């Protein structure tokens, strides 16, 4: 009767395959320590040949000895050429990265746009500020179109811009006009493959 892999013991490191695992299991049964150590070196050579494309990786050799220790469930008693990982460090979680979460008023605009509007609102009056404000407003319209495919009024964008800048940037929809990005969204939708009926 055939023996399926699903019926066999689960491999600790499946990337090395069952043959390498069986070599490690056999190595642990060798009574003589010197002979066992020689066998372990031979297994590590085989493991390095299986992943010869990774030989340029830093500490490649140490990684192989760590993996040998893991496959033997840390029971292989040999003279390791380097310090191997301890069982308690195997599943240790990395320290949490401290993220400073700040609320975003309108998620579709994002945090960076909020900061840019703050910079623009603190700039002195002039042509440079006007150009930056118009670029930001046009970008806001593009972002708004990503969540609202039906179209966006310039007036809504100007209202959001005034809100973000605490009233420092006030654009009049009768005087200022933003580019129309509706054609852009229609061409993107037109590129999608039609579903077969």
Protein backbone atom coordinates (compact mmCIF):
# COMPACT_ATOMS: atom_id res chain seq x y z
CA UNK A 1 0.00 0.00 0.00
CA UNK A 2 1.24 3.50 -0.89
CA UNK A 3 2.17 5.91 1.87
CA UNK A 4 1.08 9.47 1.14
CA UNK A 5 2.91 12.56 2.40
CA UNK A 6 -0.26 13.59 4.22
CA UNK A 7 0.03 10.42 6.31
CA UNK A 8 3.69 11.06 7.16
CA UNK A 9 5.06 13.26 9.92
CA UNK A 10 4.90 16.96 9.05
CA UNK A 11 8.22 18.44 7.89
CA UNK A 12 9.68 21.19 10.05
CA UNK A 13 11.31 22.94 7.06
CA UNK A 14 9.56 21.64 3.93
CA UNK A 15 11.91 23.56 1.59
CA UNK A 16 14.62 20.94 2.25
CA UNK A 17 12.38 17.98 1.57
CA UNK A 18 11.86 14.66 3.33
CA UNK A 19 15.26 13.17 2.38
CA UNK A 20 17.23 15.88 4.19
CA UNK A 21 14.92 15.53 7.21
CA UNK A 22 15.57 11.77 7.24
CA UNK A 23 19.34 12.47 7.12
CA UNK A 24 18.98 14.74 10.17
CA UNK A 25 16.92 12.07 11.96
CA UNK A 26 19.59 9.45 11.16
CA UNK A 27 22.37 11.81 12.33
CA UNK A 28 20.74 12.06 15.76
CA UNK A 29 20.87 8.24 16.13
CA UNK A 30 24.68 8.06 15.66
CA UNK A 31 26.23 7.24 19.02
CA UNK A 32 29.77 8.54 18.41
CA UNK A 33 29.95 12.34 18.82
CA UNK A 34 32.78 12.82 16.26
CA UNK A 35 30.99 10.67 13.69
CA UNK A 36 27.74 12.57 14.39
CA UNK A 37 29.53 15.92 13.90
CA UNK A 38 31.02 14.74 10.57
CA UNK A 39 27.56 13.63 9.45
CA UNK A 40 26.12 17.06 10.41
CA UNK A 41 28.79 18.82 8.31
CA UNK A 42 27.89 16.60 5.34
CA UNK A 43 24.19 17.45 5.77
CA UNK A 44 24.96 21.19 5.88
CA UNK A 45 26.99 20.82 2.63
CA UNK A 46 23.98 19.18 0.98
CA UNK A 47 21.69 21.93 2.32
CA UNK A 48 24.01 24.62 0.91
CA UNK A 49 24.00 22.90 -2.51
CA UNK A 50 20.20 22.95 -2.54
CA UNK A 51 20.24 26.74 -2.10
CA UNK A 52 23.51 27.60 -3.86
CA UNK A 53 21.90 30.75 -5.33
CA UNK A 54 21.77 32.23 -1.80
CA UNK A 55 25.47 31.77 -0.99
CA UNK A 56 26.01 35.54 -1.29
CA UNK A 57 23.59 36.16 1.58
CA UNK A 58 25.22 37.44 4.78
CA UNK A 59 25.66 34.71 7.41
CA UNK A 60 24.50 32.04 4.94
CA UNK A 61 26.52 29.38 6.76
CA UNK A 62 25.12 30.40 10.16
CA UNK A 63 21.60 30.27 8.69
CA UNK A 64 22.20 26.65 7.56
CA UNK A 65 23.44 25.59 11.01
CA UNK A 66 20.43 27.29 12.60
CA UNK A 67 18.12 25.40 10.25
CA UNK A 68 19.88 22.11 11.04
CA UNK A 69 19.30 22.76 14.75
CA UNK A 70 15.63 23.56 14.04
CA UNK A 71 15.15 20.37 11.97
CA UNK A 72 16.63 18.31 14.82
CA UNK A 73 14.29 20.04 17.28
CA UNK A 74 17.47 21.33 19.01
CA UNK A 75 18.33 17.76 20.10
CA UNK A 76 21.39 17.27 17.85
CA UNK A 77 24.37 17.14 20.22
CA UNK A 78 27.40 18.21 18.15
CA UNK A 79 30.15 20.83 18.18
CA UNK A 80 28.54 23.60 16.14
CA UNK A 81 31.02 25.85 14.28
CA UNK A 82 28.98 28.92 15.27
CA UNK A 83 26.43 29.86 17.89
CA UNK A 84 22.99 28.60 16.86
CA UNK A 85 19.59 30.02 17.66
CA UNK A 86 18.03 29.09 20.99
CA UNK A 87 14.58 27.40 21.04
CA UNK A 88 13.11 30.26 23.10
CA UNK A 89 14.23 32.82 20.48
CA UNK A 90 12.74 30.89 17.57
CA UNK A 91 9.22 32.29 17.89
CA UNK A 92 9.99 35.54 19.66
CA UNK A 93 8.01 38.49 18.34
CA UNK A 94 9.85 41.62 17.21
CA UNK A 95 9.34 44.77 19.21
CA UNK A 96 6.32 46.81 18.17
CA UNK A 97 7.14 49.75 15.92
CA UNK A 98 5.87 52.92 17.56
CA UNK A 99 3.59 54.60 15.04
CA UNK A 100 2.24 58.01 15.77
CA UNK A 101 -1.34 57.80 14.60
CA UNK A 102 -2.99 61.10 13.90
CA UNK A 103 -6.57 61.39 12.72
CA UNK A 104 -7.23 62.22 9.06
CA UNK A 105 -10.23 64.47 8.49
CA UNK A 106 -11.02 63.25 4.95
CA UNK A 107 -9.40 59.90 4.20
CA UNK A 108 -9.66 60.22 0.43
CA UNK A 109 -7.35 63.26 0.52
CA UNK A 110 -4.75 61.70 2.81
CA UNK A 111 -2.38 63.07 5.43
CA UNK A 112 0.28 64.46 3.06
CA UNK A 113 -2.25 66.71 1.33
CA UNK A 114 -3.30 68.06 4.75
CA UNK A 115 0.31 69.00 5.45
CA UNK A 116 0.76 70.59 2.02
CA UNK A 117 -2.35 72.73 2.50
CA UNK A 118 -0.94 73.83 5.87
CA UNK A 119 2.30 74.88 4.15
CA UNK A 120 0.43 76.71 1.39
CA UNK A 121 -1.82 78.55 3.85
CA UNK A 122 1.24 79.85 5.77
CA UNK A 123 2.97 81.12 2.62
CA UNK A 124 2.97 84.87 1.90
CA UNK A 125 0.53 86.13 -0.73
CA UNK A 126 1.90 86.01 -4.25
CA UNK A 127 2.09 84.12 -7.53
CA UNK A 128 3.97 81.15 -6.05
CA UNK A 129 1.30 80.62 -3.40
CA UNK A 130 -1.50 80.91 -5.99
CA UNK A 131 0.13 78.31 -8.23
CA UNK A 132 0.62 75.92 -5.32
CA UNK A 133 -2.98 76.39 -4.15
CA UNK A 134 -4.34 75.71 -7.67
CA UNK A 135 -2.14 72.59 -7.99
CA UNK A 136 -3.38 71.32 -4.63
CA UNK A 137 -7.01 72.03 -5.56
CA UNK A 138 -6.59 70.17 -8.89
CA UNK A 139 -5.03 67.23 -7.06
CA UNK A 140 -7.88 67.24 -4.53
CA UNK A 141 -10.36 67.07 -7.40
CA UNK A 142 -8.51 64.09 -8.87
CA UNK A 143 -8.54 62.30 -5.51
CA UNK A 144 -12.23 63.09 -5.03
CA UNK A 145 -13.01 61.64 -8.48
CA UNK A 146 -11.38 58.37 -7.41
CA UNK A 147 -14.13 57.93 -4.78
CA UNK A 148 -16.95 59.72 -6.61
CA UNK A 149 -17.12 58.65 -10.27
CA UNK A 150 -20.19 60.81 -11.00
CA UNK A 151 -18.16 64.00 -10.96
CA UNK A 152 -17.13 66.70 -8.53
CA UNK A 153 -17.99 70.38 -8.30
CA UNK A 154 -15.15 72.87 -8.03
CA UNK A 155 -17.18 74.54 -5.29
CA UNK A 156 -16.97 71.39 -3.11
CA UNK A 157 -13.18 71.29 -3.55
CA UNK A 158 -12.85 74.98 -2.65
CA UNK A 159 -15.03 74.43 0.41
CA UNK A 160 -12.80 71.53 1.59
CA UNK A 161 -9.70 73.63 0.89
CA UNK A 162 -11.06 76.48 3.04
CA UNK A 163 -11.91 73.97 5.80
CA UNK A 164 -8.40 72.45 5.75
CA UNK A 165 -6.69 75.85 5.78
CA UNK A 166 -8.92 77.18 8.58
CA UNK A 167 -10.28 79.87 6.24
CA UNK A 168 -6.86 81.10 5.08
CA UNK A 169 -7.40 79.87 1.50
CA UNK A 170 -10.65 81.02 -0.09
CA UNK A 171 -11.20 80.42 -3.78
CA UNK A 172 -14.25 81.61 -5.67
CA UNK A 173 -15.82 79.07 -8.05
CA UNK A 174 -16.93 81.94 -10.35
CA UNK A 175 -13.33 83.14 -10.77
CA UNK A 176 -11.18 79.99 -10.45
CA UNK A 177 -11.79 76.91 -12.57
CA UNK A 178 -10.17 73.51 -12.08
CA UNK A 179 -9.38 71.13 -14.96
CA UNK A 180 -12.07 68.61 -15.82
CA UNK A 181 -10.80 65.09 -15.13
CA UNK A 182 -14.04 63.35 -16.13
CA UNK A 183 -12.58 62.35 -19.53
CA UNK A 184 -9.65 60.76 -17.69
CA UNK A 185 -11.91 58.48 -15.60
CA UNK A 186 -13.97 57.47 -18.64
CA UNK A 187 -10.87 56.39 -20.63
CA UNK A 188 -9.66 54.34 -17.66
CA UNK A 189 -13.01 52.59 -17.42
CA UNK A 190 -13.04 52.00 -21.19
CA UNK A 191 -9.78 50.04 -20.98
CA UNK A 192 -11.40 47.33 -18.85
CA UNK A 193 -12.28 44.12 -20.69
CA UNK A 194 -15.95 43.61 -21.34
CA UNK A 195 -17.52 40.64 -19.61
CA UNK A 196 -18.90 37.90 -21.80
CA UNK A 197 -22.60 37.31 -21.57
